[in-house]
């Protein structure tokens, strides 16, 4: 939509939403559906970091890399009998055009959904003068003032830079890494969390020599050791060099200086350096300090309705704390719109799924309990699952595991490692949200052959009566 022309008087709306990401646009659509006069302000494209610069383009690149890997492996001794004669190459510029096309289609789709919900989109940069008065500067410099009965803050987050390795030039955040004109010959990844490993493994598949530097003692430190172990083995198979308990301290002329906790200083060849050491809430530059809302450290403090300390000012998504995940933001945005419309709601999920889209994938739902006699746990290996074998997904050391209370068999947590296991996250989350017990999961009739059968087998094994192991 075209920017709204500046006006000497403020326009007044029921709901003003700052940020068009998965939290903000979902809140706007739901508010529009509920008949609320809603304005959404976005300085960039609709869709936010996840759709434009994160989740969607990264998964598209990961898919392209996996397809390229299949072709490359078909040149050798392929167990499926696939054979490629001649050179295998990639037109990376075309790959990027395809990736960008996916993003464009989804971003345009968000715009269409907002129009259908009768949400007014204002393009420009928001700056609050007080808690419910906002000035929006359009790209052409025109300024308009918007006053709102309710404000929903959904400004999202941004990548954290290292003080001694600021972003710029050959030092990249994930945003720049997803828009490289060519596959770098050598790539150093600082941070072995899910973003770093997802992109690092994709670029390794595309042909980069990848080196990963992690300050902690193992990869994927946000997951437990059992879930991280198959990923560490996959990194080794991909010939990705890993330096743990090490810190990057400088970068000059294609060489990254690395200081291990023990041992001598290393110099790693790196045409590009990808820094993935975390994200922080985007709280600066739009007048948050003039809104007089309470903070909880770096985050905006909210209650279980996502209400801030200022009446009728709400905050959602990455602004309000971990987990900083798009699907959490969307759920909170929908909830806040309904509260504004008079519904009784609160944000109290039993579990929020987390997925790492490495190869193999990792999915975790619920907090894994400490071992003890009050807990039943079981693991079912995907090597015993027919669908996994038929997709060559049995050789990753993958598994599905389950934890439940010993007394009443209530399921506490589920997790999996393996190719394609992210698609199990919905069933896992549903089991926890519905308060299911082991007998519920074991009694479900899963389609055969699917990897979901392994989830039922894990429950059966916890009950002491697994069938296929």
Protein backbone atom coordinates (compact mmCIF):
# COMPACT_ATOMS: atom_id res chain seq x y z
CA UNK A 1 0.00 0.00 0.00
CA UNK A 2 1.10 3.58 -0.53
CA UNK A 3 2.32 5.52 2.51
CA UNK A 4 -0.37 7.54 4.22
CA UNK A 5 0.10 11.29 3.64
CA UNK A 6 1.03 13.40 6.63
CA UNK A 7 -1.80 15.17 8.38
CA UNK A 8 -1.85 18.10 10.77
CA UNK A 9 -4.11 16.07 13.03
CA UNK A 10 -3.51 12.63 14.48
CA UNK A 11 -5.54 9.74 13.16
CA UNK A 12 -7.14 7.58 15.81
CA UNK A 13 -7.49 3.81 15.69
CA UNK A 14 -8.53 1.06 18.03
CA UNK A 15 -5.43 -1.11 17.57
CA UNK A 16 -1.95 -0.02 16.44
CA UNK A 17 0.57 -2.79 15.79
CA UNK A 18 4.30 -2.13 15.38
CA UNK A 19 6.03 -4.79 13.32
CA UNK A 20 4.79 -6.95 10.46
CA UNK A 21 6.49 -10.19 11.43
CA UNK A 22 4.81 -13.46 12.46
CA UNK A 23 3.64 -11.91 15.73
CA UNK A 24 2.48 -8.56 14.39
CA UNK A 25 0.76 -9.64 11.20
CA UNK A 26 -1.07 -12.51 12.91
CA UNK A 27 -2.26 -10.10 15.62
CA UNK A 28 -3.41 -7.70 12.91
CA UNK A 29 -5.29 -10.33 10.93
CA UNK A 30 -7.06 -11.65 14.02
CA UNK A 31 -7.92 -8.13 15.17
CA UNK A 32 -9.35 -7.38 11.75
CA UNK A 33 -11.38 -10.59 11.80
CA UNK A 34 -12.84 -9.48 15.13
CA UNK A 35 -13.96 -6.18 13.64
CA UNK A 36 -11.36 -3.96 15.31
CA UNK A 37 -10.13 -0.86 13.46
CA UNK A 38 -6.49 -1.91 13.04
CA UNK A 39 -3.34 -0.30 11.65
CA UNK A 40 -0.09 -2.19 11.15
CA UNK A 41 3.15 -0.20 10.80
CA UNK A 42 6.10 -1.88 9.08
CA UNK A 43 9.30 -0.22 7.84
CA UNK A 44 10.42 -3.23 5.81
CA UNK A 45 8.60 -5.91 3.86
CA UNK A 46 5.71 -7.79 5.41
CA UNK A 47 6.69 -11.05 7.05
CA UNK A 48 9.45 -9.92 9.40
CA UNK A 49 12.81 -11.53 10.00
CA UNK A 50 11.46 -15.08 9.91
CA UNK A 51 9.87 -14.84 6.49
CA UNK A 52 12.21 -12.34 4.81
CA UNK A 53 15.65 -12.98 6.32
CA UNK A 54 15.46 -16.09 8.52
CA UNK A 55 13.28 -19.18 8.77
CA UNK A 56 11.89 -19.35 5.24
CA UNK A 57 14.91 -18.37 3.11
CA UNK A 58 17.24 -20.48 5.25
CA UNK A 59 15.03 -23.57 4.88
CA UNK A 60 14.82 -22.94 1.14
CA UNK A 61 18.64 -22.79 0.95
CA UNK A 62 18.93 -25.93 3.10
CA UNK A 63 16.59 -27.76 0.72
CA UNK A 64 18.54 -26.64 -2.34
CA UNK A 65 21.79 -27.74 -0.69
CA UNK A 66 20.33 -31.16 0.12
CA UNK A 67 19.18 -31.64 -3.48
CA UNK A 68 22.64 -30.68 -4.72
CA UNK A 69 24.15 -33.16 -2.31
CA UNK A 70 21.99 -35.94 -3.75
CA UNK A 71 23.33 -35.17 -7.23
CA UNK A 72 26.94 -35.09 -6.07
CA UNK A 73 26.61 -38.42 -4.27
CA UNK A 74 25.03 -39.96 -7.38
CA UNK A 75 28.44 -39.64 -9.09
CA UNK A 76 29.93 -42.19 -6.76
CA UNK A 77 28.95 -45.59 -5.40
CA UNK A 78 25.29 -44.87 -4.74
CA UNK A 79 23.36 -47.56 -2.83
CA UNK A 80 20.11 -46.59 -4.60
CA UNK A 81 21.62 -47.15 -8.00
CA UNK A 82 21.39 -43.47 -8.90
CA UNK A 83 23.98 -42.44 -11.44
CA UNK A 84 25.08 -39.06 -12.77
CA UNK A 85 27.41 -38.90 -15.76
CA UNK A 86 29.50 -35.79 -16.27
CA UNK A 87 30.01 -32.79 -14.05
CA UNK A 88 27.59 -31.82 -11.30
CA UNK A 89 27.30 -28.08 -10.80
CA UNK A 90 25.04 -25.45 -9.37
CA UNK A 91 23.85 -22.14 -10.80
CA UNK A 92 23.82 -20.36 -7.46
CA UNK A 93 22.30 -17.19 -8.86
CA UNK A 94 19.30 -19.22 -10.00
CA UNK A 95 19.14 -20.90 -6.59
CA UNK A 96 18.92 -17.47 -4.99
CA UNK A 97 16.22 -16.37 -7.43
CA UNK A 98 14.17 -19.43 -6.51
CA UNK A 99 14.73 -18.78 -2.79
CA UNK A 100 13.72 -15.14 -3.22
CA UNK A 101 10.67 -16.22 -5.17
CA UNK A 102 9.49 -18.32 -2.23
CA UNK A 103 9.94 -15.32 0.05
CA UNK A 104 8.15 -12.97 -2.38
CA UNK A 105 5.19 -15.31 -2.70
CA UNK A 106 4.75 -15.61 1.05
CA UNK A 107 5.27 -11.88 1.72
CA UNK A 108 2.72 -10.98 -0.94
CA UNK A 109 0.39 -13.54 0.59
CA UNK A 110 0.64 -11.83 3.98
CA UNK A 111 -0.31 -8.54 2.33
CA UNK A 112 -3.35 -10.17 0.77
CA UNK A 113 -4.45 -11.66 4.07
CA UNK A 114 -4.16 -8.27 5.77
CA UNK A 115 -6.23 -6.61 3.07
CA UNK A 116 -8.89 -9.28 3.39
CA UNK A 117 -9.04 -8.65 7.14
CA UNK A 118 -9.42 -4.89 6.40
CA UNK A 119 -6.16 -4.05 8.18
CA UNK A 120 -4.58 -0.76 7.10
CA UNK A 121 -0.84 -1.16 6.46
CA UNK A 122 1.33 1.93 6.91
CA UNK A 123 4.83 1.74 5.46
CA UNK A 124 7.37 3.63 7.50
CA UNK A 125 9.42 3.89 10.67
CA UNK A 126 7.51 4.20 13.93
CA UNK A 127 8.62 6.46 16.77
CA UNK A 128 6.54 6.70 19.92
CA UNK A 129 6.03 10.03 21.62
CA UNK A 130 4.22 8.46 24.56
CA UNK A 131 2.64 5.10 25.30
CA UNK A 132 -0.14 5.36 22.72
CA UNK A 133 0.97 8.13 20.36
CA UNK A 134 3.20 7.24 17.45
CA UNK A 135 4.78 9.22 14.61
CA UNK A 136 5.38 7.26 11.42
CA UNK A 137 7.91 8.51 8.90
CA UNK A 138 7.21 7.17 5.42
CA UNK A 139 9.98 6.37 2.91
CA UNK A 140 9.26 9.68 1.12
CA UNK A 141 9.72 11.61 4.38
CA UNK A 142 6.03 12.28 5.03
CA UNK A 143 5.11 12.04 8.70
CA UNK A 144 1.79 11.12 10.22
CA UNK A 145 0.74 10.78 13.83
CA UNK A 146 -1.36 7.86 15.01
CA UNK A 147 -3.12 7.67 18.37
CA UNK A 148 -4.41 4.29 19.49
CA UNK A 149 -6.63 2.85 22.16
CA UNK A 150 -4.43 -0.25 22.21
CA UNK A 151 -0.82 -0.72 21.09
CA UNK A 152 0.76 -4.09 20.32
CA UNK A 153 4.56 -4.02 20.22
CA UNK A 154 5.94 -6.70 17.89
CA UNK A 155 9.30 -5.23 16.85
CA UNK A 156 11.11 -8.59 16.90
CA UNK A 157 14.83 -9.11 17.33
CA UNK A 158 18.17 -8.63 15.61
CA UNK A 159 21.43 -10.55 15.33
CA UNK A 160 24.06 -9.94 17.99
CA UNK A 161 27.48 -8.87 16.73
CA UNK A 162 30.77 -9.51 18.47
CA UNK A 163 32.46 -6.29 19.68
CA UNK A 164 35.74 -7.18 18.00
CA UNK A 165 34.04 -8.54 14.84
CA UNK A 166 31.32 -6.06 13.87
CA UNK A 167 29.09 -6.90 10.94
CA UNK A 168 30.24 -5.53 7.61
CA UNK A 169 32.37 -6.55 4.66
CA UNK A 170 33.20 -10.24 4.93
CA UNK A 171 31.79 -10.55 8.48
CA UNK A 172 28.18 -11.60 8.06
CA UNK A 173 25.02 -12.10 10.04
CA UNK A 174 22.59 -14.77 8.85
CA UNK A 175 20.83 -12.06 6.83
CA UNK A 176 23.84 -11.42 4.61
CA UNK A 177 24.76 -15.11 4.46
CA UNK A 178 21.40 -15.85 2.86
CA UNK A 179 22.06 -13.29 0.12
CA UNK A 180 25.63 -14.12 -0.90
CA UNK A 181 26.22 -13.83 -4.62
CA UNK A 182 28.37 -16.97 -4.65
CA UNK A 183 29.19 -19.93 -2.47
CA UNK A 184 32.33 -19.00 -0.51
CA UNK A 185 35.31 -21.30 -0.88
CA UNK A 186 35.95 -21.14 2.87
CA UNK A 187 33.48 -20.18 5.57
CA UNK A 188 34.03 -19.80 9.29
CA UNK A 189 30.94 -20.01 11.48
CA UNK A 190 31.17 -18.50 14.96
CA UNK A 191 28.59 -20.17 17.17
CA UNK A 192 27.46 -23.80 17.03
CA UNK A 193 23.83 -23.14 17.89
CA UNK A 194 20.99 -24.04 15.59
CA UNK A 195 21.38 -21.05 13.21
CA UNK A 196 25.12 -21.54 12.78
CA UNK A 197 24.89 -25.28 12.20
CA UNK A 198 21.89 -25.10 9.88
CA UNK A 199 23.65 -22.65 7.58
CA UNK A 200 27.09 -24.16 8.08
CA UNK A 201 25.91 -27.62 7.03
CA UNK A 202 24.04 -26.17 4.04
CA UNK A 203 27.10 -24.30 2.77
CA UNK A 204 29.27 -27.38 3.32
CA UNK A 205 26.84 -29.35 1.14
CA UNK A 206 27.09 -26.61 -1.49
CA UNK A 207 30.88 -26.95 -1.55
CA UNK A 208 32.30 -24.58 1.07
CA UNK A 209 35.10 -25.67 3.40
CA UNK A 210 33.37 -24.90 6.68
CA UNK A 211 34.95 -24.40 10.09
CA UNK A 212 32.83 -23.92 13.22
CA UNK A 213 34.06 -22.17 16.38
CA UNK A 214 32.07 -22.61 19.60
CA UNK A 215 32.88 -21.14 23.01
CA UNK A 216 31.19 -23.97 24.89
CA UNK A 217 32.22 -27.60 25.22
CA UNK A 218 29.90 -29.09 22.59
CA UNK A 219 27.76 -28.24 19.60
CA UNK A 220 24.08 -27.32 20.05
CA UNK A 221 24.61 -26.33 23.70
CA UNK A 222 20.92 -25.32 23.98
CA UNK A 223 19.99 -28.99 23.55
CA UNK A 224 21.10 -31.81 25.84
CA UNK A 225 24.09 -33.99 25.02
CA UNK A 226 22.08 -36.98 23.76
CA UNK A 227 20.29 -34.86 21.16
CA UNK A 228 23.50 -33.10 20.11
CA UNK A 229 25.59 -36.27 19.68
CA UNK A 230 24.14 -37.38 16.31
CA UNK A 231 24.65 -33.85 14.98
CA UNK A 232 28.30 -33.91 16.04
CA UNK A 233 28.74 -37.19 14.12
CA UNK A 234 27.01 -35.69 11.07
CA UNK A 235 29.37 -32.70 11.17
CA UNK A 236 32.31 -35.08 11.19
CA UNK A 237 30.93 -37.00 8.19
CA UNK A 238 30.47 -33.71 6.35
CA UNK A 239 34.16 -32.90 7.03
CA UNK A 240 33.23 -29.74 8.91
CA UNK A 241 36.06 -28.77 11.23
CA UNK A 242 34.93 -27.98 14.80
CA UNK A 243 36.83 -26.02 17.44
CA UNK A 244 35.11 -26.26 20.85
CA UNK A 245 36.02 -24.30 23.98
CA UNK A 246 37.43 -21.68 21.63
CA UNK A 247 36.82 -18.03 20.82
CA UNK A 248 37.35 -16.03 17.64
CA UNK A 249 39.42 -12.97 18.48
CA UNK A 250 40.18 -11.29 15.15
CA UNK A 251 39.77 -11.39 11.39
CA UNK A 252 42.11 -9.98 8.77
CA UNK A 253 42.91 -10.76 5.14
CA UNK A 254 40.90 -13.98 4.95
CA UNK A 255 42.20 -15.40 8.23
CA UNK A 256 40.22 -15.78 11.42
CA UNK A 257 42.24 -15.88 14.64
CA UNK A 258 40.94 -18.45 17.14
CA UNK A 259 42.02 -18.77 20.76
CA UNK A 260 41.30 -22.22 22.26
CA UNK A 261 40.82 -22.51 26.02
CA UNK A 262 43.87 -24.77 25.92
CA UNK A 263 46.57 -24.91 23.31
CA UNK A 264 48.05 -22.59 20.76
CA UNK A 265 46.42 -19.81 18.77
CA UNK A 266 44.90 -21.01 15.50
CA UNK A 267 44.50 -19.24 12.17
CA UNK A 268 41.51 -20.44 10.15
CA UNK A 269 41.17 -19.69 6.42
CA UNK A 270 37.88 -17.85 5.94
CA UNK A 271 36.73 -16.03 2.83
CA UNK A 272 33.61 -15.16 4.82
CA UNK A 273 32.85 -15.21 8.54
CA UNK A 274 29.31 -15.94 9.69
CA UNK A 275 28.59 -14.76 13.25
CA UNK A 276 25.68 -16.58 14.92
CA UNK A 277 26.16 -15.97 18.63
CA UNK A 278 22.55 -15.09 19.39
CA UNK A 279 19.80 -12.54 18.93
CA UNK A 280 18.56 -9.67 21.05
CA UNK A 281 15.20 -7.89 21.21
CA UNK A 282 14.92 -4.85 18.96
CA UNK A 283 14.22 -2.22 21.63
CA UNK A 284 16.12 0.78 20.28
CA UNK A 285 15.27 3.45 17.74
CA UNK A 286 11.48 3.53 17.98
CA UNK A 287 10.85 5.33 21.27
CA UNK A 288 10.35 2.47 23.70
CA UNK A 289 12.04 4.56 26.39
CA UNK A 290 9.22 7.12 26.10
CA UNK A 291 6.49 4.55 26.70
CA UNK A 292 7.24 4.06 30.42
CA UNK A 293 6.87 0.29 30.31
CA UNK A 294 8.72 -1.91 32.78
CA UNK A 295 11.61 -4.00 31.52
CA UNK A 296 12.82 -7.47 32.49
CA UNK A 297 16.49 -7.17 31.69
CA UNK A 298 16.77 -6.68 27.92
CA UNK A 299 13.14 -7.69 27.37
CA UNK A 300 9.82 -5.91 27.80
CA UNK A 301 8.14 -7.20 30.93
CA UNK A 302 4.68 -8.70 30.41
CA UNK A 303 2.20 -10.80 32.35
CA UNK A 304 0.51 -14.01 31.18
CA UNK A 305 -1.75 -11.97 28.88
CA UNK A 306 1.25 -10.19 27.27
CA UNK A 307 0.13 -6.95 28.95
CA UNK A 308 2.91 -4.49 29.84
CA UNK A 309 2.95 -2.26 32.90
CA UNK A 310 1.25 0.48 30.83
CA UNK A 311 -2.50 0.05 30.43
CA UNK A 312 -3.59 -1.07 26.95
CA UNK A 313 0.01 -1.53 25.77
CA UNK A 314 0.90 -5.11 24.87
CA UNK A 315 4.13 -6.77 23.77
CA UNK A 316 4.68 -10.11 22.06
CA UNK A 317 7.27 -12.36 20.46
CA UNK A 318 11.00 -11.81 20.70
CA UNK A 319 10.50 -8.55 22.61
CA UNK A 320 9.25 -10.43 25.68
CA UNK A 321 11.82 -13.18 26.14
CA UNK A 322 12.73 -16.75 25.33
CA UNK A 323 11.99 -18.82 23.44
CA UNK A 324 12.54 -16.39 20.58
CA UNK A 325 10.54 -18.38 18.05
CA UNK A 326 8.15 -17.30 15.32
CA UNK A 327 5.39 -19.69 16.33
CA UNK A 328 5.41 -18.38 19.88
CA UNK A 329 5.03 -14.84 18.57
CA UNK A 330 2.10 -15.85 16.35
CA UNK A 331 0.30 -17.56 19.22
CA UNK A 332 0.77 -14.51 21.44
CA UNK A 333 -0.37 -12.13 18.69
CA UNK A 334 -3.60 -14.04 18.12
CA UNK A 335 -4.24 -14.17 21.87
CA UNK A 336 -3.71 -10.43 22.43
CA UNK A 337 -6.08 -9.52 19.59
CA UNK A 338 -8.77 -11.66 21.20
CA UNK A 339 -8.18 -10.13 24.63
CA UNK A 340 -8.57 -6.64 23.17
CA UNK A 341 -11.85 -7.80 21.61
CA UNK A 342 -13.10 -8.87 25.04
CA UNK A 343 -12.19 -12.56 25.15
CA UNK A 344 -10.73 -14.15 28.27
CA UNK A 345 -7.32 -15.54 27.34
CA UNK A 346 -3.89 -16.10 28.83
CA UNK A 347 -0.65 -17.45 27.46
CA UNK A 348 0.09 -20.68 29.27
CA UNK A 349 1.17 -23.34 26.76
CA UNK A 350 2.08 -26.79 28.04
CA UNK A 351 4.97 -26.81 25.59
CA UNK A 352 6.44 -24.83 22.70
CA UNK A 353 8.22 -27.02 20.14
CA UNK A 354 11.79 -26.21 19.13
CA UNK A 355 13.28 -27.54 15.89
CA UNK A 356 16.82 -27.47 14.55
CA UNK A 357 16.83 -27.99 10.77
CA UNK A 358 20.26 -29.54 10.52
CA UNK A 359 20.82 -32.88 8.77
CA UNK A 360 19.62 -34.82 10.70
CA UNK A 361 16.95 -32.63 12.27
CA UNK A 362 16.35 -32.20 15.99
CA UNK A 363 12.95 -31.59 17.59
CA UNK A 364 12.28 -31.08 21.28
CA UNK A 365 8.94 -30.53 23.03
CA UNK A 366 8.77 -30.02 26.79
CA UNK A 367 11.57 -29.89 29.35
CA UNK A 368 13.39 -33.20 29.75
CA UNK A 369 13.16 -34.20 33.44
CA UNK A 370 16.00 -35.19 35.71
CA UNK A 371 16.35 -38.99 35.94
CA UNK A 372 14.90 -40.70 38.97
CA UNK A 373 12.43 -43.32 40.13
CA UNK A 374 9.53 -40.89 39.65
CA UNK A 375 10.18 -40.72 35.89
CA UNK A 376 9.77 -43.29 33.09
CA UNK A 377 11.88 -42.78 29.96
CA UNK A 378 12.38 -44.72 26.77
CA UNK A 379 14.20 -44.39 23.47
CA UNK A 380 13.23 -46.02 20.18
CA UNK A 381 15.91 -46.04 17.44
CA UNK A 382 14.89 -45.01 13.95
CA UNK A 383 17.06 -47.83 12.65
CA UNK A 384 14.15 -50.09 13.70
CA UNK A 385 11.58 -48.06 11.73
CA UNK A 386 10.63 -49.19 8.22
CA UNK A 387 9.96 -45.71 6.85
CA UNK A 388 13.30 -44.44 8.11
CA UNK A 389 15.10 -47.32 6.41
CA UNK A 390 13.22 -46.76 3.15
CA UNK A 391 14.35 -43.09 3.12
CA UNK A 392 17.99 -43.77 4.05
CA UNK A 393 17.21 -42.07 7.36
CA UNK A 394 18.37 -44.95 9.51
CA UNK A 395 22.12 -44.31 9.50
CA UNK A 396 22.18 -41.05 11.47
CA UNK A 397 21.93 -42.65 14.90
CA UNK A 398 18.50 -41.07 15.10
CA UNK A 399 15.87 -41.87 17.68
CA UNK A 400 12.65 -40.81 19.32
CA UNK A 401 12.48 -40.56 23.08
CA UNK A 402 9.74 -40.00 25.60
CA UNK A 403 9.53 -39.13 29.30
CA UNK A 404 6.53 -39.54 31.59
CA UNK A 405 5.61 -39.58 35.25
CA UNK A 406 5.99 -43.01 36.80
CA UNK A 407 2.85 -42.68 38.93
CA UNK A 408 0.18 -41.64 36.42
CA UNK A 409 2.12 -42.00 33.11
CA UNK A 410 1.45 -38.36 32.16
CA UNK A 411 3.80 -37.46 29.30
CA UNK A 412 6.31 -34.75 30.28
CA UNK A 413 8.54 -34.38 27.23
CA UNK A 414 9.28 -35.77 23.78
CA UNK A 415 12.27 -35.36 21.48
CA UNK A 416 13.70 -36.80 18.31
CA UNK A 417 16.79 -36.74 16.11
CA UNK A 418 16.65 -37.86 12.51
CA UNK A 419 15.88 -36.86 8.95
CA UNK A 420 12.39 -35.40 8.54
CA UNK A 421 11.54 -35.61 12.27
CA UNK A 422 10.49 -31.95 12.36
CA UNK A 423 7.15 -33.13 10.92
CA UNK A 424 6.54 -35.03 14.17
CA UNK A 425 6.57 -31.82 16.22
CA UNK A 426 2.82 -31.31 15.78
CA UNK A 427 1.87 -34.68 17.23
CA UNK A 428 4.38 -34.29 20.04
CA UNK A 429 3.01 -30.88 20.99
CA UNK A 430 -0.58 -32.11 20.79
CA UNK A 431 0.18 -34.97 23.18
CA UNK A 432 1.58 -32.57 25.78
CA UNK A 433 -1.13 -29.94 25.31
CA UNK A 434 -3.88 -32.55 25.68
CA UNK A 435 -2.32 -33.95 28.84
CA UNK A 436 -1.87 -37.37 27.24
CA UNK A 437 -0.53 -40.39 29.09
CA UNK A 438 1.75 -43.11 27.73
CA UNK A 439 -1.24 -45.33 27.02
CA UNK A 440 -2.72 -42.60 24.80
CA UNK A 441 0.42 -42.36 22.67
CA UNK A 442 0.82 -46.14 22.55
CA UNK A 443 -2.81 -46.64 21.60
CA UNK A 444 -2.84 -44.26 18.64
CA UNK A 445 -2.99 -46.11 15.33
CA UNK A 446 -0.19 -44.57 13.30
CA UNK A 447 -0.15 -44.91 9.52
CA UNK A 448 2.31 -47.47 8.21
CA UNK A 449 4.96 -46.91 7.05
CA UNK A 450 5.69 -43.59 8.75
CA UNK A 451 8.26 -42.41 11.25
CA UNK A 452 5.39 -41.48 13.56
CA UNK A 453 5.12 -45.20 14.33
CA UNK A 454 8.38 -44.82 16.24
CA UNK A 455 6.68 -42.36 18.57
CA UNK A 456 4.08 -44.96 19.50
CA UNK A 457 6.85 -47.55 19.90
CA UNK A 458 8.73 -45.24 22.27
CA UNK A 459 5.60 -45.02 24.43
CA UNK A 460 5.18 -48.80 24.30
CA UNK A 461 8.80 -49.25 25.32
CA UNK A 462 8.32 -46.94 28.29
CA UNK A 463 5.42 -49.19 29.30
CA UNK A 464 7.67 -52.24 28.94
CA UNK A 465 5.95 -53.73 25.88
CA UNK A 466 7.59 -52.44 22.70
CA UNK A 467 6.80 -54.54 19.63
CA UNK A 468 9.62 -53.86 17.17
CA UNK A 469 12.65 -53.83 19.43
